[in-house]
């Protein structure tokens, strides 16, 4: 079973929280799958996910949010 990490994803512009997200495995965050988003602080506008400051963080797809690289930061801890 891959390592799981609980991430806090924040806006790179204003540092506000966007998601509390459970990531499985290693590597970059390219998508945030809906079933792994534990807490959503973002604003949904049309097919975009935005921070409350108005910065577009990603686009909504069928299974999750395709994240726009460079618009967010992440920090986290390993969970069992």
PDB file of N, CA and C in Angstrom:
ATOM      1  N   UNK A   1       0.849  -1.187   0.000  1.00  0.00           N
ATOM      2  CA  UNK A   1       0.000   0.000   0.000  1.00  0.00           C
ATOM      3  C   UNK A   1       0.887   1.241   0.000  1.00  0.00           C
ATOM      4  N   UNK A   2       0.619   2.206  -0.889  1.00  0.00           N
ATOM      5  CA  UNK A   2       1.462   3.404  -0.951  1.00  0.00           C
ATOM      6  C   UNK A   2       1.312   4.272   0.295  1.00  0.00           C
ATOM      7  N   UNK A   3       2.366   5.046   0.547  1.00  0.00           N
ATOM      8  CA  UNK A   3       2.318   5.986   1.668  1.00  0.00           C
ATOM      9  C   UNK A   3       1.220   7.005   1.439  1.00  0.00           C
ATOM     10  N   UNK A   4       0.540   7.378   2.517  1.00  0.00           N
ATOM     11  CA  UNK A   4      -0.473   8.423   2.437  1.00  0.00           C
ATOM     12  C   UNK A   4       0.025   9.641   3.195  1.00  0.00           C
ATOM     13  N   UNK A   5      -0.213  10.798   2.623  1.00  0.00           N
ATOM     14  CA  UNK A   5       0.214  12.054   3.213  1.00  0.00           C
ATOM     15  C   UNK A   5      -0.989  12.992   3.255  1.00  0.00           C
ATOM     16  N   UNK A   6      -1.237  13.600   4.407  1.00  0.00           N
ATOM     17  CA  UNK A   6      -2.297  14.590   4.527  1.00  0.00           C
ATOM     18  C   UNK A   6      -1.682  15.948   4.221  1.00  0.00           C
ATOM     19  N   UNK A   7      -2.119  16.553   3.111  1.00  0.00           N
ATOM     20  CA  UNK A   7      -1.575  17.827   2.662  1.00  0.00           C
ATOM     21  C   UNK A   7      -2.526  18.968   2.970  1.00  0.00           C
ATOM     22  N   UNK A   8      -1.962  20.096   3.286  1.00  0.00           N
ATOM     23  CA  UNK A   8      -2.692  21.357   3.317  1.00  0.00           C
ATOM     24  C   UNK A   8      -2.230  22.102   2.076  1.00  0.00           C
ATOM     25  N   UNK A   9      -3.145  22.334   1.155  1.00  0.00           N
ATOM     26  CA  UNK A   9      -2.830  23.042  -0.083  1.00  0.00           C
ATOM     27  C   UNK A   9      -3.292  24.482   0.095  1.00  0.00           C
ATOM     28  N   UNK A  10      -2.351  25.426  -0.127  1.00  0.00           N
ATOM     29  CA  UNK A  10      -2.622  26.846   0.075  1.00  0.00           C
ATOM     30  C   UNK A  10      -2.374  27.631  -1.196  1.00  0.00           C
ATOM     31  N   UNK A  11      -3.013  28.776  -1.303  1.00  0.00           N
ATOM     32  CA  UNK A  11      -2.822  29.694  -2.419  1.00  0.00           C
ATOM     33  C   UNK A  11      -1.418  30.288  -2.348  1.00  0.00           C
ATOM     34  N   UNK A  12      -0.713  30.301  -3.472  1.00  0.00           N
ATOM     35  CA  UNK A  12       0.634  30.869  -3.514  1.00  0.00           C
ATOM     36  C   UNK A  12       0.594  32.393  -3.426  1.00  0.00           C
ATOM     37  N   UNK A  13      -0.529  32.981  -3.802  1.00  0.00           N
ATOM     38  CA  UNK A  13      -0.646  34.442  -3.822  1.00  0.00           C
ATOM     39  C   UNK A  13      -0.947  35.019  -2.434  1.00  0.00           C
ATOM     40  N   UNK A  14      -1.958  34.474  -1.747  1.00  0.00           N
ATOM     41  CA  UNK A  14      -2.387  35.061  -0.466  1.00  0.00           C
ATOM     42  C   UNK A  14      -2.187  34.134   0.731  1.00  0.00           C
ATOM     43  N   UNK A  15      -1.742  32.895   0.490  1.00  0.00           N
ATOM     44  CA  UNK A  15      -1.464  31.906   1.534  1.00  0.00           C
ATOM     45  C   UNK A  15      -2.708  31.405   2.268  1.00  0.00           C
ATOM     46  N   UNK A  16      -3.894  31.552   1.688  1.00  0.00           N
ATOM     47  CA  UNK A  16      -5.116  31.017   2.287  1.00  0.00           C
ATOM     48  C   UNK A  16      -5.234  29.533   1.987  1.00  0.00           C
ATOM     49  N   UNK A  17      -5.871  28.788   2.890  1.00  0.00           N
ATOM     50  CA  UNK A  17      -6.087  27.365   2.672  1.00  0.00           C
ATOM     51  C   UNK A  17      -7.065  27.156   1.507  1.00  0.00           C
ATOM     52  N   UNK A  18      -6.778  26.125   0.697  1.00  0.00           N
ATOM     53  CA  UNK A  18      -7.662  25.761  -0.408  1.00  0.00           C
ATOM     54  C   UNK A  18      -8.267  24.381  -0.172  1.00  0.00           C
ATOM     55  N   UNK A  19      -7.414  23.390   0.113  1.00  0.00           N
ATOM     56  CA  UNK A  19      -7.873  22.027   0.368  1.00  0.00           C
ATOM     57  C   UNK A  19      -7.115  21.420   1.526  1.00  0.00           C
ATOM     58  N   UNK A  20      -7.760  20.493   2.201  1.00  0.00           N
ATOM     59  CA  UNK A  20      -7.097  19.510   3.035  1.00  0.00           C
ATOM     60  C   UNK A  20      -7.235  18.231   2.225  1.00  0.00           C
ATOM     61  N   UNK A  21      -6.121  17.653   1.792  1.00  0.00           N
ATOM     62  CA  UNK A  21      -6.126  16.610   0.776  1.00  0.00           C
ATOM     63  C   UNK A  21      -5.271  15.423   1.189  1.00  0.00           C
ATOM     64  N   UNK A  22      -5.790  14.215   1.017  1.00  0.00           N
ATOM     65  CA  UNK A  22      -5.057  12.994   1.321  1.00  0.00           C
ATOM     66  C   UNK A  22      -4.394  12.471   0.057  1.00  0.00           C
ATOM     67  N   UNK A  23      -3.082  12.617  -0.014  1.00  0.00           N
ATOM     68  CA  UNK A  23      -2.327  12.202  -1.199  1.00  0.00           C
ATOM     69  C   UNK A  23      -1.779  10.809  -0.996  1.00  0.00           C
ATOM     70  N   UNK A  24      -1.865   9.977  -2.021  1.00  0.00           N
ATOM     71  CA  UNK A  24      -1.294   8.624  -1.982  1.00  0.00           C
ATOM     72  C   UNK A  24      -0.082   8.594  -2.908  1.00  0.00           C
ATOM     73  N   UNK A  25       1.014   8.068  -2.422  1.00  0.00           N
ATOM     74  CA  UNK A  25       2.200   7.915  -3.251  1.00  0.00           C
ATOM     75  C   UNK A  25       3.082   9.145  -3.272  1.00  0.00           C
ATOM     76  N   UNK A  26       4.108   9.049  -4.115  1.00  0.00           N
ATOM     77  CA  UNK A  26       5.103  10.109  -4.219  1.00  0.00           C
ATOM     78  C   UNK A  26       4.821  10.977  -5.435  1.00  0.00           C
ATOM     79  N   UNK A  27       5.545  12.062  -5.536  1.00  0.00           N
ATOM     80  CA  UNK A  27       5.448  12.914  -6.715  1.00  0.00           C
ATOM     81  C   UNK A  27       4.661  14.181  -6.467  1.00  0.00           C
ATOM     82  N   UNK A  28       4.533  14.938  -7.557  1.00  0.00           N
ATOM     83  CA  UNK A  28       3.852  16.237  -7.496  1.00  0.00           C
ATOM     84  C   UNK A  28       2.334  16.065  -7.435  1.00  0.00           C
ATOM     85  N   UNK A  29       1.671  17.113  -6.995  1.00  0.00           N
ATOM     86  CA  UNK A  29       0.210  17.150  -7.024  1.00  0.00           C
ATOM     87  C   UNK A  29      -0.207  17.696  -8.387  1.00  0.00           C
ATOM     88  N   UNK A  30      -0.723  16.822  -9.233  1.00  0.00           N
ATOM     89  CA  UNK A  30      -1.190  17.222 -10.551  1.00  0.00           C
ATOM     90  C   UNK A  30      -2.709  17.324 -10.579  1.00  0.00           C
ATOM     91  N   UNK A  31      -3.360  16.423  -9.849  1.00  0.00           N
ATOM     92  CA  UNK A  31      -4.818  16.400  -9.729  1.00  0.00           C
ATOM     93  C   UNK A  31      -5.178  16.214  -8.271  1.00  0.00           C
ATOM     94  N   UNK A  32      -6.306  16.775  -7.878  1.00  0.00           N
ATOM     95  CA  UNK A  32      -6.880  16.507  -6.560  1.00  0.00           C
ATOM     96  C   UNK A  32      -8.190  15.775  -6.800  1.00  0.00           C
ATOM     97  N   UNK A  33      -8.211  14.483  -6.489  1.00  0.00           N
ATOM     98  CA  UNK A  33      -9.392  13.668  -6.714  1.00  0.00           C
ATOM     99  C   UNK A  33     -10.454  13.996  -5.665  1.00  0.00           C
ATOM    100  N   UNK A  34     -11.721  14.086  -6.088  1.00  0.00           N
ATOM    101  CA  UNK A  34     -12.799  14.494  -5.193  1.00  0.00           C
ATOM    102  C   UNK A  34     -12.909  13.608  -3.955  1.00  0.00           C
ATOM    103  N   UNK A  35     -12.715  12.292  -4.109  1.00  0.00           N
ATOM    104  CA  UNK A  35     -12.863  11.393  -2.966  1.00  0.00           C
ATOM    105  C   UNK A  35     -11.719  11.508  -1.957  1.00  0.00           C
ATOM    106  N   UNK A  36     -10.647  12.201  -2.296  1.00  0.00           N
ATOM    107  CA  UNK A  36      -9.524  12.396  -1.375  1.00  0.00           C
ATOM    108  C   UNK A  36      -9.497  13.790  -0.765  1.00  0.00           C
ATOM    109  N   UNK A  37     -10.349  14.698  -1.243  1.00  0.00           N
ATOM    110  CA  UNK A  37     -10.433  16.043  -0.652  1.00  0.00           C
ATOM    111  C   UNK A  37     -11.238  15.917   0.634  1.00  0.00           C
ATOM    112  N   UNK A  38     -10.585  16.153   1.755  1.00  0.00           N
ATOM    113  CA  UNK A  38     -11.239  15.994   3.059  1.00  0.00           C
ATOM    114  C   UNK A  38     -11.921  17.276   3.516  1.00  0.00           C
ATOM    115  N   UNK A  39     -11.397  18.421   3.118  1.00  0.00           N
ATOM    116  CA  UNK A  39     -11.994  19.713   3.472  1.00  0.00           C
ATOM    117  C   UNK A  39     -11.736  20.664   2.311  1.00  0.00           C
ATOM    118  N   UNK A  40     -12.768  21.361   1.864  1.00  0.00           N
ATOM    119  CA  UNK A  40     -12.662  22.254   0.712  1.00  0.00           C
ATOM    120  C   UNK A  40     -12.953  23.682   1.153  1.00  0.00           C
ATOM    121  N   UNK A  41     -11.948  24.547   1.048  1.00  0.00           N
ATOM    122  CA  UNK A  41     -12.089  25.957   1.411  1.00  0.00           C
ATOM    123  C   UNK A  41     -12.187  26.843   0.169  1.00  0.00           C
ATOM    124  N   UNK A  42     -12.196  26.241  -1.019  1.00  0.00           N
ATOM    125  CA  UNK A  42     -12.121  26.996  -2.268  1.00  0.00           C
ATOM    126  C   UNK A  42     -13.480  27.519  -2.703  1.00  0.00           C
ATOM    127  N   UNK A  43     -13.442  28.330  -3.752  1.00  0.00           N
ATOM    128  CA  UNK A  43     -14.646  28.885  -4.371  1.00  0.00           C
ATOM    129  C   UNK A  43     -14.773  28.263  -5.761  1.00  0.00           C
ATOM    130  N   UNK A  44     -15.974  27.776  -6.090  1.00  0.00           N
ATOM    131  CA  UNK A  44     -16.217  27.200  -7.409  1.00  0.00           C
ATOM    132  C   UNK A  44     -16.915  28.233  -8.278  1.00  0.00           C
ATOM    133  N   UNK A  45     -16.343  28.489  -9.454  1.00  0.00           N
ATOM    134  CA  UNK A  45     -16.930  29.446 -10.393  1.00  0.00           C
ATOM    135  C   UNK A  45     -16.833  28.843 -11.786  1.00  0.00           C
ATOM    136  N   UNK A  46     -17.973  28.546 -12.398  1.00  0.00           N
ATOM    137  CA  UNK A  46     -18.041  27.831 -13.677  1.00  0.00           C
ATOM    138  C   UNK A  46     -17.279  26.513 -13.542  1.00  0.00           C
ATOM    139  N   UNK A  47     -16.255  26.275 -14.356  1.00  0.00           N
ATOM    140  CA  UNK A  47     -15.477  25.041 -14.221  1.00  0.00           C
ATOM    141  C   UNK A  47     -14.142  25.282 -13.536  1.00  0.00           C
ATOM    142  N   UNK A  48     -13.994  26.400 -12.855  1.00  0.00           N
ATOM    143  CA  UNK A  48     -12.745  26.736 -12.174  1.00  0.00           C
ATOM    144  C   UNK A  48     -12.877  26.619 -10.661  1.00  0.00           C
ATOM    145  N   UNK A  49     -11.779  26.194 -10.029  1.00  0.00           N
ATOM    146  CA  UNK A  49     -11.649  26.262  -8.574  1.00  0.00           C
ATOM    147  C   UNK A  49     -10.754  27.450  -8.291  1.00  0.00           C
ATOM    148  N   UNK A  50     -11.210  28.328  -7.409  1.00  0.00           N
ATOM    149  CA  UNK A  50     -10.480  29.549  -7.100  1.00  0.00           C
ATOM    150  C   UNK A  50     -10.273  29.685  -5.608  1.00  0.00           C
ATOM    151  N   UNK A  51      -9.245  30.444  -5.274  1.00  0.00           N
ATOM    152  CA  UNK A  51      -9.030  30.875  -3.904  1.00  0.00           C
ATOM    153  C   UNK A  51     -10.005  32.024  -3.635  1.00  0.00           C
ATOM    154  N   UNK A  52     -10.205  32.339  -2.379  1.00  0.00           N
ATOM    155  CA  UNK A  52     -11.094  33.464  -2.055  1.00  0.00           C
ATOM    156  C   UNK A  52     -10.536  34.803  -2.520  1.00  0.00           C
ATOM    157  N   UNK A  53      -9.211  34.863  -2.828  1.00  0.00           N
ATOM    158  CA  UNK A  53      -8.624  36.097  -3.363  1.00  0.00           C
ATOM    159  C   UNK A  53      -8.879  36.235  -4.867  1.00  0.00           C
ATOM    160  N   UNK A  54      -9.415  35.179  -5.504  1.00  0.00           N
ATOM    161  CA  UNK A  54      -9.743  35.235  -6.924  1.00  0.00           C
ATOM    162  C   UNK A  54      -8.760  34.518  -7.830  1.00  0.00           C
ATOM    163  N   UNK A  55      -7.657  34.031  -7.289  1.00  0.00           N
ATOM    164  CA  UNK A  55      -6.659  33.321  -8.081  1.00  0.00           C
ATOM    165  C   UNK A  55      -7.189  31.948  -8.496  1.00  0.00           C
ATOM    166  N   UNK A  56      -7.092  31.622  -9.791  1.00  0.00           N
ATOM    167  CA  UNK A  56      -7.544  30.320 -10.289  1.00  0.00           C
ATOM    168  C   UNK A  56      -6.500  29.270  -9.922  1.00  0.00           C
ATOM    169  N   UNK A  57      -6.939  28.234  -9.200  1.00  0.00           N
ATOM    170  CA  UNK A  57      -6.056  27.179  -8.720  1.00  0.00           C
ATOM    171  C   UNK A  57      -6.091  25.971  -9.648  1.00  0.00           C
ATOM    172  N   UNK A  58      -7.238  25.705 -10.255  1.00  0.00           N
ATOM    173  CA  UNK A  58      -7.361  24.551 -11.136  1.00  0.00           C
ATOM    174  C   UNK A  58      -8.706  24.537 -11.842  1.00  0.00           C
ATOM    175  N   UNK A  59      -8.874  23.528 -12.706  1.00  0.00           N
ATOM    176  CA  UNK A  59     -10.132  23.359 -13.431  1.00  0.00           C
ATOM    177  C   UNK A  59     -10.796  22.055 -12.993  1.00  0.00           C
ATOM    178  N   UNK A  60     -12.120  22.080 -12.932  1.00  0.00           N
ATOM    179  CA  UNK A  60     -12.885  20.930 -12.474  1.00  0.00           C
ATOM    180  C   UNK A  60     -13.086  19.955 -13.623  1.00  0.00           C
ATOM    181  N   UNK A  61     -12.775  18.694 -13.362  1.00  0.00           N
ATOM    182  CA  UNK A  61     -13.000  17.623 -14.323  1.00  0.00           C
ATOM    183  C   UNK A  61     -14.069  16.680 -13.795  1.00  0.00           C
ATOM    184  N   UNK A  62     -14.163  15.517 -14.402  1.00  0.00           N
ATOM    185  CA  UNK A  62     -15.168  14.532 -14.001  1.00  0.00           C
ATOM    186  C   UNK A  62     -14.851  13.925 -12.635  1.00  0.00           C
ATOM    187  N   UNK A  63     -13.580  13.569 -12.409  1.00  0.00           N
ATOM    188  CA  UNK A  63     -13.203  12.883 -11.176  1.00  0.00           C
ATOM    189  C   UNK A  63     -12.476  13.749 -10.169  1.00  0.00           C
ATOM    190  N   UNK A  64     -12.063  14.956 -10.575  1.00  0.00           N
ATOM    191  CA  UNK A  64     -11.307  15.787  -9.649  1.00  0.00           C
ATOM    192  C   UNK A  64     -10.947  17.134 -10.241  1.00  0.00           C
ATOM    193  N   UNK A  65     -10.010  17.796  -9.585  1.00  0.00           N
ATOM    194  CA  UNK A  65      -9.560  19.121  -9.982  1.00  0.00           C
ATOM    195  C   UNK A  65      -8.169  18.995 -10.588  1.00  0.00           C
ATOM    196  N   UNK A  66      -8.002  19.443 -11.829  1.00  0.00           N
ATOM    197  CA  UNK A  66      -6.681  19.477 -12.461  1.00  0.00           C
ATOM    198  C   UNK A  66      -6.013  20.756 -11.978  1.00  0.00           C
ATOM    199  N   UNK A  67      -4.945  20.581 -11.194  1.00  0.00           N
ATOM    200  CA  UNK A  67      -4.299  21.711 -10.543  1.00  0.00           C
ATOM    201  C   UNK A  67      -3.407  22.478 -11.508  1.00  0.00           C
ATOM    202  N   UNK A  68      -3.416  23.794 -11.368  1.00  0.00           N
ATOM    203  CA  UNK A  68      -2.595  24.689 -12.190  1.00  0.00           C
ATOM    204  C   UNK A  68      -1.282  24.916 -11.440  1.00  0.00           C
ATOM    205  N   UNK A  69      -0.196  24.376 -11.986  1.00  0.00           N
ATOM    206  CA  UNK A  69       1.104  24.432 -11.308  1.00  0.00           C
ATOM    207  C   UNK A  69       1.553  25.885 -11.103  1.00  0.00           C
ATOM    208  N   UNK A  70       2.155  26.128  -9.942  1.00  0.00           N
ATOM    209  CA  UNK A  70       2.670  27.451  -9.621  1.00  0.00           C
ATOM    210  C   UNK A  70       1.671  28.354  -8.906  1.00  0.00           C
ATOM    211  N   UNK A  71       0.403  27.912  -8.791  1.00  0.00           N
ATOM    212  CA  UNK A  71      -0.610  28.742  -8.142  1.00  0.00           C
ATOM    213  C   UNK A  71      -0.875  28.315  -6.705  1.00  0.00           C
ATOM    214  N   UNK A  72      -0.213  27.245  -6.256  1.00  0.00           N
ATOM    215  CA  UNK A  72      -0.461  26.742  -4.909  1.00  0.00           C
ATOM    216  C   UNK A  72       0.826  26.227  -4.279  1.00  0.00           C
ATOM    217  N   UNK A  73       0.805  26.153  -2.962  1.00  0.00           N
ATOM    218  CA  UNK A  73       1.886  25.533  -2.207  1.00  0.00           C
ATOM    219  C   UNK A  73       1.280  24.404  -1.388  1.00  0.00           C
ATOM    220  N   UNK A  74       2.128  23.506  -0.909  1.00  0.00           N
ATOM    221  CA  UNK A  74       1.627  22.378  -0.138  1.00  0.00           C
ATOM    222  C   UNK A  74       2.564  22.069   1.011  1.00  0.00           C
ATOM    223  N   UNK A  75       1.994  21.586   2.092  1.00  0.00           N
ATOM    224  CA  UNK A  75       2.771  21.095   3.224  1.00  0.00           C
ATOM    225  C   UNK A  75       1.985  19.947   3.818  1.00  0.00           C
ATOM    226  N   UNK A  76       2.673  18.989   4.416  1.00  0.00           N
ATOM    227  CA  UNK A  76       1.922  17.855   4.915  1.00  0.00           C
ATOM    228  C   UNK A  76       2.686  16.951   5.836  1.00  0.00           C
ATOM    229  N   UNK A  77       1.937  15.967   6.363  1.00  0.00           N
ATOM    230  CA  UNK A  77       2.484  14.968   7.238  1.00  0.00           C
ATOM    231  C   UNK A  77       1.994  13.592   6.818  1.00  0.00           C
ATOM    232  N   UNK A  78       2.803  12.583   7.067  1.00  0.00           N
ATOM    233  CA  UNK A  78       2.459  11.208   6.713  1.00  0.00           C
ATOM    234  C   UNK A  78       1.392  10.689   7.674  1.00  0.00           C
ATOM    235  N   UNK A  79       0.395   9.972   7.140  1.00  0.00           N
ATOM    236  CA  UNK A  79      -0.640   9.333   7.957  1.00  0.00           C
ATOM    237  C   UNK A  79      -0.604   7.838   7.684  1.00  0.00           C
ATOM    238  N   UNK A  80      -1.001   7.040   8.662  1.00  0.00           N
ATOM    239  CA  UNK A  80      -1.020   5.583   8.485  1.00  0.00           C
ATOM    240  C   UNK A  80      -2.405   5.085   8.202  1.00  0.00           C
TER     241      UNK A  80
END
